[in-house]
């Protein structure tokens, strides 16, 4: 099985959060990433301000920021222009 590039996982993560906040388990499932690896993807996005984290009743959830949505839309525009057929 071919390993996906990190940028694709980042974009899947941002895309998933466009649907609304998710906890780490749901986020890992949506991106098809091992739960143990999800922190390695959320950490950099948190530091760059593309997602935010909140805790409700001790449960962590992630949501996309306006900047994260903007970056995702820019990336999607570029992706659609590439000859990937």
N, C-alpha and C. Protein backbone atom coordinates (compact mmCIF):
# COMPACT_ATOMS: atom_id res chain seq x y z
N UNK A 1 0.84 -1.18 0.00
CA UNK A 1 0.00 0.00 0.00
C UNK A 1 0.88 1.24 0.00
N UNK A 2 0.57 2.16 -0.88
CA UNK A 2 1.37 3.37 -1.03
C UNK A 2 1.05 4.36 0.10
N UNK A 3 2.09 4.93 0.68
CA UNK A 3 1.94 5.89 1.76
C UNK A 3 1.51 7.24 1.18
N UNK A 4 0.51 7.87 1.82
CA UNK A 4 0.07 9.19 1.38
C UNK A 4 1.04 10.27 1.85
N UNK A 5 1.17 11.28 1.05
CA UNK A 5 1.98 12.43 1.43
C UNK A 5 1.29 13.17 2.57
N UNK A 6 2.07 13.76 3.44
CA UNK A 6 1.53 14.48 4.60
C UNK A 6 0.60 15.61 4.16
N UNK A 7 0.93 16.29 3.06
CA UNK A 7 0.08 17.40 2.62
C UNK A 7 -1.33 16.92 2.31
N UNK A 8 -1.47 15.73 1.78
CA UNK A 8 -2.81 15.19 1.49
C UNK A 8 -3.58 14.92 2.79
N UNK A 9 -2.89 14.44 3.79
CA UNK A 9 -3.54 14.19 5.08
C UNK A 9 -3.94 15.51 5.72
N UNK A 10 -3.07 16.51 5.66
CA UNK A 10 -3.42 17.83 6.19
C UNK A 10 -4.68 18.37 5.50
N UNK A 11 -4.74 18.25 4.20
CA UNK A 11 -5.89 18.77 3.47
C UNK A 11 -7.16 17.97 3.78
N UNK A 12 -7.04 16.65 3.95
CA UNK A 12 -8.20 15.85 4.34
C UNK A 12 -8.69 16.26 5.72
N UNK A 13 -7.75 16.54 6.60
CA UNK A 13 -8.09 16.96 7.95
C UNK A 13 -8.85 18.29 7.90
N UNK A 14 -8.33 19.27 7.17
CA UNK A 14 -9.01 20.55 7.06
C UNK A 14 -10.38 20.39 6.41
N UNK A 15 -10.45 19.59 5.36
CA UNK A 15 -11.72 19.34 4.68
C UNK A 15 -12.74 18.74 5.64
N UNK A 16 -12.31 17.79 6.43
CA UNK A 16 -13.19 17.13 7.39
C UNK A 16 -13.74 18.13 8.40
N UNK A 17 -12.91 19.07 8.82
CA UNK A 17 -13.33 20.04 9.83
C UNK A 17 -14.24 21.13 9.25
N UNK A 18 -14.31 21.24 7.93
CA UNK A 18 -15.26 22.17 7.32
C UNK A 18 -16.69 21.74 7.64
N UNK A 19 -16.90 20.46 7.91
CA UNK A 19 -18.23 19.93 8.25
C UNK A 19 -18.61 20.21 9.70
N UNK A 20 -17.65 20.67 10.50
CA UNK A 20 -17.92 20.97 11.90
C UNK A 20 -16.85 20.37 12.79
N UNK A 21 -16.85 20.76 14.07
CA UNK A 21 -15.84 20.28 15.02
C UNK A 21 -15.87 18.76 15.17
N UNK A 22 -14.71 18.21 15.44
CA UNK A 22 -14.58 16.76 15.65
C UNK A 22 -13.57 16.49 16.76
N UNK A 23 -13.79 15.42 17.48
CA UNK A 23 -12.80 14.95 18.45
C UNK A 23 -11.70 14.21 17.71
N UNK A 24 -10.62 13.88 18.41
CA UNK A 24 -9.49 13.22 17.74
C UNK A 24 -9.85 11.86 17.13
N UNK A 25 -10.73 11.11 17.77
CA UNK A 25 -11.10 9.80 17.22
C UNK A 25 -11.84 9.95 15.91
N UNK A 26 -12.85 10.81 15.88
CA UNK A 26 -13.62 11.03 14.65
C UNK A 26 -12.75 11.63 13.55
N UNK A 27 -11.85 12.51 13.93
CA UNK A 27 -10.95 13.12 12.97
C UNK A 27 -10.02 12.07 12.35
N UNK A 28 -9.48 11.21 13.18
CA UNK A 28 -8.61 10.14 12.69
C UNK A 28 -9.37 9.22 11.74
N UNK A 29 -10.61 8.90 12.09
CA UNK A 29 -11.42 8.04 11.23
C UNK A 29 -11.72 8.73 9.89
N UNK A 30 -12.07 10.01 9.95
CA UNK A 30 -12.41 10.75 8.74
C UNK A 30 -11.23 10.85 7.78
N UNK A 31 -10.04 10.92 8.33
CA UNK A 31 -8.82 11.06 7.52
C UNK A 31 -8.12 9.73 7.27
N UNK A 32 -8.68 8.65 7.81
CA UNK A 32 -8.09 7.32 7.68
C UNK A 32 -6.64 7.32 8.16
N UNK A 33 -6.46 7.88 9.36
CA UNK A 33 -5.14 7.95 10.00
C UNK A 33 -5.23 7.22 11.33
N UNK A 34 -4.21 6.48 11.67
CA UNK A 34 -4.15 5.81 12.95
C UNK A 34 -4.31 6.83 14.07
N UNK A 35 -5.14 6.51 15.06
CA UNK A 35 -5.40 7.43 16.17
C UNK A 35 -4.10 7.91 16.82
N UNK A 36 -3.13 7.06 16.94
CA UNK A 36 -1.86 7.41 17.56
C UNK A 36 -1.06 8.43 16.76
N UNK A 37 -1.35 8.58 15.48
CA UNK A 37 -0.63 9.51 14.61
C UNK A 37 -1.34 10.85 14.43
N UNK A 38 -2.60 10.95 14.85
CA UNK A 38 -3.37 12.16 14.56
C UNK A 38 -2.76 13.39 15.21
N UNK A 39 -2.17 13.24 16.38
CA UNK A 39 -1.55 14.38 17.06
C UNK A 39 -0.39 14.96 16.25
N UNK A 40 0.29 14.10 15.51
CA UNK A 40 1.39 14.57 14.66
C UNK A 40 0.91 15.46 13.52
N UNK A 41 -0.38 15.39 13.20
CA UNK A 41 -0.95 16.24 12.16
C UNK A 41 -1.68 17.44 12.75
N UNK A 42 -2.35 17.25 13.88
CA UNK A 42 -3.08 18.38 14.46
C UNK A 42 -2.13 19.39 15.08
N UNK A 43 -1.02 18.94 15.67
CA UNK A 43 -0.08 19.85 16.32
C UNK A 43 0.43 20.96 15.41
N UNK A 44 0.98 20.61 14.24
CA UNK A 44 1.46 21.66 13.33
C UNK A 44 0.35 22.60 12.86
N UNK A 45 -0.85 22.06 12.63
CA UNK A 45 -1.96 22.91 12.19
C UNK A 45 -2.40 23.86 13.30
N UNK A 46 -2.35 23.39 14.54
CA UNK A 46 -2.66 24.26 15.68
C UNK A 46 -1.63 25.39 15.79
N UNK A 47 -0.36 25.03 15.68
CA UNK A 47 0.71 26.04 15.79
C UNK A 47 0.64 27.08 14.69
N UNK A 48 0.19 26.70 13.51
CA UNK A 48 0.07 27.63 12.39
C UNK A 48 -1.25 28.42 12.41
N UNK A 49 -2.13 28.08 13.35
CA UNK A 49 -3.40 28.80 13.46
C UNK A 49 -4.44 28.39 12.43
N UNK A 50 -4.27 27.20 11.84
CA UNK A 50 -5.22 26.74 10.83
C UNK A 50 -6.38 25.97 11.44
N UNK A 51 -6.18 25.44 12.63
CA UNK A 51 -7.26 24.81 13.40
C UNK A 51 -7.14 25.31 14.84
N UNK A 52 -8.21 25.09 15.62
CA UNK A 52 -8.17 25.41 17.04
C UNK A 52 -8.67 24.20 17.82
N UNK A 53 -8.31 24.18 19.08
CA UNK A 53 -8.69 23.09 19.97
C UNK A 53 -9.50 23.67 21.12
N UNK A 54 -10.50 22.94 21.54
CA UNK A 54 -11.31 23.33 22.69
C UNK A 54 -11.61 22.08 23.50
N UNK A 55 -11.83 22.26 24.78
CA UNK A 55 -12.18 21.13 25.65
C UNK A 55 -13.56 21.39 26.25
N UNK A 56 -14.44 20.41 26.08
CA UNK A 56 -15.77 20.47 26.67
C UNK A 56 -15.99 19.21 27.47
N UNK A 57 -16.23 19.38 28.76
CA UNK A 57 -16.41 18.23 29.66
C UNK A 57 -15.22 17.27 29.57
N UNK A 58 -14.03 17.83 29.42
CA UNK A 58 -12.82 17.02 29.37
C UNK A 58 -12.55 16.37 28.03
N UNK A 59 -13.41 16.63 27.05
CA UNK A 59 -13.26 16.03 25.72
C UNK A 59 -12.69 17.08 24.76
N UNK A 60 -11.56 16.80 24.14
CA UNK A 60 -10.96 17.73 23.19
C UNK A 60 -11.66 17.65 21.85
N UNK A 61 -11.91 18.81 21.26
CA UNK A 61 -12.44 18.87 19.90
C UNK A 61 -11.61 19.86 19.10
N UNK A 62 -11.58 19.63 17.81
CA UNK A 62 -10.85 20.50 16.89
C UNK A 62 -11.85 21.13 15.93
N UNK A 63 -11.58 22.37 15.55
CA UNK A 63 -12.38 23.06 14.54
C UNK A 63 -11.43 23.85 13.65
N UNK A 64 -11.91 24.16 12.46
CA UNK A 64 -11.09 24.89 11.50
C UNK A 64 -11.24 26.39 11.76
N UNK A 65 -10.18 27.14 11.56
CA UNK A 65 -10.23 28.59 11.69
C UNK A 65 -10.53 29.21 10.33
N UNK A 66 -10.81 30.50 10.31
CA UNK A 66 -11.02 31.19 9.03
C UNK A 66 -9.78 31.07 8.15
N UNK A 67 -8.61 31.20 8.76
CA UNK A 67 -7.36 31.07 8.02
C UNK A 67 -7.22 29.65 7.46
N UNK A 68 -7.58 28.65 8.24
CA UNK A 68 -7.52 27.27 7.78
C UNK A 68 -8.44 27.02 6.60
N UNK A 69 -9.64 27.59 6.65
CA UNK A 69 -10.59 27.44 5.54
C UNK A 69 -10.06 28.14 4.29
N UNK A 70 -9.43 29.30 4.47
CA UNK A 70 -8.87 30.03 3.34
C UNK A 70 -7.73 29.24 2.69
N UNK A 71 -6.84 28.70 3.52
CA UNK A 71 -5.73 27.89 3.00
C UNK A 71 -6.26 26.67 2.26
N UNK A 72 -7.27 26.01 2.83
CA UNK A 72 -7.84 24.83 2.18
C UNK A 72 -8.42 25.21 0.81
N UNK A 73 -9.17 26.30 0.73
CA UNK A 73 -9.78 26.71 -0.53
C UNK A 73 -8.72 27.06 -1.57
N UNK A 74 -7.64 27.71 -1.16
CA UNK A 74 -6.55 28.02 -2.09
C UNK A 74 -5.90 26.74 -2.61
N UNK A 75 -5.65 25.81 -1.71
CA UNK A 75 -5.05 24.54 -2.10
C UNK A 75 -5.97 23.79 -3.06
N UNK A 76 -7.27 23.78 -2.76
CA UNK A 76 -8.22 23.08 -3.61
C UNK A 76 -8.25 23.68 -5.02
N UNK A 77 -8.15 25.01 -5.10
CA UNK A 77 -8.11 25.66 -6.40
C UNK A 77 -6.90 25.23 -7.21
N UNK A 78 -5.76 25.14 -6.56
CA UNK A 78 -4.54 24.68 -7.23
C UNK A 78 -4.67 23.22 -7.65
N UNK A 79 -5.17 22.39 -6.75
CA UNK A 79 -5.35 20.95 -7.00
C UNK A 79 -6.20 20.72 -8.24
N UNK A 80 -7.27 21.49 -8.37
CA UNK A 80 -8.20 21.32 -9.50
C UNK A 80 -7.56 21.72 -10.83
N UNK A 81 -6.54 22.56 -10.80
CA UNK A 81 -5.87 23.00 -12.02
C UNK A 81 -4.80 22.02 -12.49
N UNK A 82 -4.40 21.11 -11.61
CA UNK A 82 -3.34 20.17 -11.98
C UNK A 82 -3.87 19.06 -12.89
N UNK A 83 -3.05 18.59 -13.82
CA UNK A 83 -3.48 17.51 -14.72
C UNK A 83 -3.32 16.15 -14.04
N UNK A 84 -4.27 15.78 -13.21
CA UNK A 84 -4.17 14.55 -12.44
C UNK A 84 -4.97 13.38 -13.01
N UNK A 85 -5.44 13.51 -14.20
CA UNK A 85 -6.25 12.44 -14.82
C UNK A 85 -5.47 11.19 -15.07
